[in-house]
Structure formats: structure tokens, C-alpha cells
């Protein structure tokens, strides 16, 4: 891309395509909203960031 504007447009298309691919994969595997949050790293649940169990506390 020659200009910053063209680069921005291309990046937006790439981002939109990435989101479409993600949705297709989630649908293919039948993921729930909670599972999608875990995959995308947006969960504070069992597998989310900041929830690692310290073996010394068990």
C-alpha cells in the first residue's frame, strides 16, 4: 500500500477476515460463548489469566 490510508483500509479488511474465520471455526467446533471467551483470553474463569492455582495452597 502506498499511503497510510491504504494501509489502514487493508488492515481493517484483514481484521474483519480474521474475525470471520474465527467465527467459522467456533461454529465448526460448536463452541459456547464461555469457551470462546477462554480461547480469546477474555475469561477470568478456570482457564483464564490470573486463575492459576498455586500447588502450595491446595
C-alpha atoms as a PDB file:
ATOM      1  CA  UNK A   1       0.000   0.000   0.000  1.00  0.00           C
ATOM      2  CA  UNK A   2       1.288   3.395  -0.927  1.00  0.00           C
ATOM      3  CA  UNK A   3      -0.389   5.591   1.651  1.00  0.00           C
ATOM      4  CA  UNK A   4      -1.196   5.332   5.319  1.00  0.00           C
ATOM      5  CA  UNK A   5      -4.886   5.438   4.398  1.00  0.00           C
ATOM      6  CA  UNK A   6      -4.498   2.450   2.074  1.00  0.00           C
ATOM      7  CA  UNK A   7      -2.598   0.569   4.767  1.00  0.00           C
ATOM      8  CA  UNK A   8      -5.369   1.288   7.255  1.00  0.00           C
ATOM      9  CA  UNK A   9      -8.019   0.026   4.832  1.00  0.00           C
ATOM     10  CA  UNK A  10      -6.057  -3.150   4.174  1.00  0.00           C
ATOM     11  CA  UNK A  11      -5.542  -3.756   7.901  1.00  0.00           C
ATOM     12  CA  UNK A  12      -9.278  -3.321   8.526  1.00  0.00           C
ATOM     13  CA  UNK A  13     -10.042  -5.893   5.829  1.00  0.00           C
ATOM     14  CA  UNK A  14      -7.533  -8.298   7.360  1.00  0.00           C
ATOM     15  CA  UNK A  15      -9.041  -7.814  10.831  1.00  0.00           C
ATOM     16  CA  UNK A  16     -12.566  -8.385   9.501  1.00  0.00           C
ATOM     17  CA  UNK A  17     -11.445 -11.526   7.675  1.00  0.00           C
ATOM     18  CA  UNK A  18      -9.748 -12.819  10.838  1.00  0.00           C
ATOM     19  CA  UNK A  19     -12.980 -12.342  12.787  1.00  0.00           C
ATOM     20  CA  UNK A  20     -14.963 -14.184  10.110  1.00  0.00           C
ATOM     21  CA  UNK A  21     -12.514 -17.090  10.181  1.00  0.00           C
ATOM     22  CA  UNK A  22     -12.654 -17.223  13.984  1.00  0.00           C
ATOM     23  CA  UNK A  23     -16.463 -17.326  13.915  1.00  0.00           C
ATOM     24  CA  UNK A  24     -16.474 -20.110  11.324  1.00  0.00           C
ATOM     25  CA  UNK A  25     -14.060 -22.174  13.413  1.00  0.00           C
ATOM     26  CA  UNK A  26     -16.073 -21.584  16.599  1.00  0.00           C
ATOM     27  CA  UNK A  27     -19.240 -22.654  14.773  1.00  0.00           C
ATOM     28  CA  UNK A  28     -17.478 -25.678  13.280  1.00  0.00           C
ATOM     29  CA  UNK A  29     -16.445 -26.886  16.723  1.00  0.00           C
ATOM     30  CA  UNK A  30     -19.704 -25.836  18.375  1.00  0.00           C
ATOM     31  CA  UNK A  31     -18.046 -23.658  21.000  1.00  0.00           C
ATOM     32  CA  UNK A  32     -20.177 -21.920  23.599  1.00  0.00           C
ATOM     33  CA  UNK A  33     -19.796 -18.225  24.437  1.00  0.00           C
ATOM     34  CA  UNK A  34     -17.843 -19.168  27.571  1.00  0.00           C
ATOM     35  CA  UNK A  35     -15.492 -21.405  25.578  1.00  0.00           C
ATOM     36  CA  UNK A  36     -14.961 -18.638  23.021  1.00  0.00           C
ATOM     37  CA  UNK A  37     -14.031 -16.232  25.826  1.00  0.00           C
ATOM     38  CA  UNK A  38     -11.468 -18.738  27.075  1.00  0.00           C
ATOM     39  CA  UNK A  39      -9.990 -19.196  23.601  1.00  0.00           C
ATOM     40  CA  UNK A  40      -9.797 -15.438  23.081  1.00  0.00           C
ATOM     41  CA  UNK A  41      -8.266 -14.891  26.507  1.00  0.00           C
ATOM     42  CA  UNK A  42     -11.164 -12.777  27.763  1.00  0.00           C
ATOM     43  CA  UNK A  43     -12.179 -15.067  30.601  1.00  0.00           C
ATOM     44  CA  UNK A  44     -11.364 -14.944  34.268  1.00  0.00           C
ATOM     45  CA  UNK A  45     -12.687 -18.489  34.574  1.00  0.00           C
ATOM     46  CA  UNK A  46     -10.948 -21.786  35.165  1.00  0.00           C
ATOM     47  CA  UNK A  47      -8.530 -21.425  32.273  1.00  0.00           C
ATOM     48  CA  UNK A  48      -8.371 -17.643  32.193  1.00  0.00           C
ATOM     49  CA  UNK A  49      -5.455 -15.456  33.026  1.00  0.00           C
ATOM     50  CA  UNK A  50      -4.810 -14.884  36.689  1.00  0.00           C
ATOM     51  CA  UNK A  51      -6.539 -18.052  37.850  1.00  0.00           C
ATOM     52  CA  UNK A  52      -3.591 -20.398  38.046  1.00  0.00           C
ATOM     53  CA  UNK A  53      -3.698 -22.478  41.150  1.00  0.00           C
ATOM     54  CA  UNK A  54      -0.671 -22.440  43.374  1.00  0.00           C
ATOM     55  CA  UNK A  55       0.019 -26.075  44.351  1.00  0.00           C
ATOM     56  CA  UNK A  56       1.207 -24.859  47.774  1.00  0.00           C
ATOM     57  CA  UNK A  57      -2.298 -23.557  48.506  1.00  0.00           C
ATOM     58  CA  UNK A  58      -4.024 -26.861  47.859  1.00  0.00           C
END
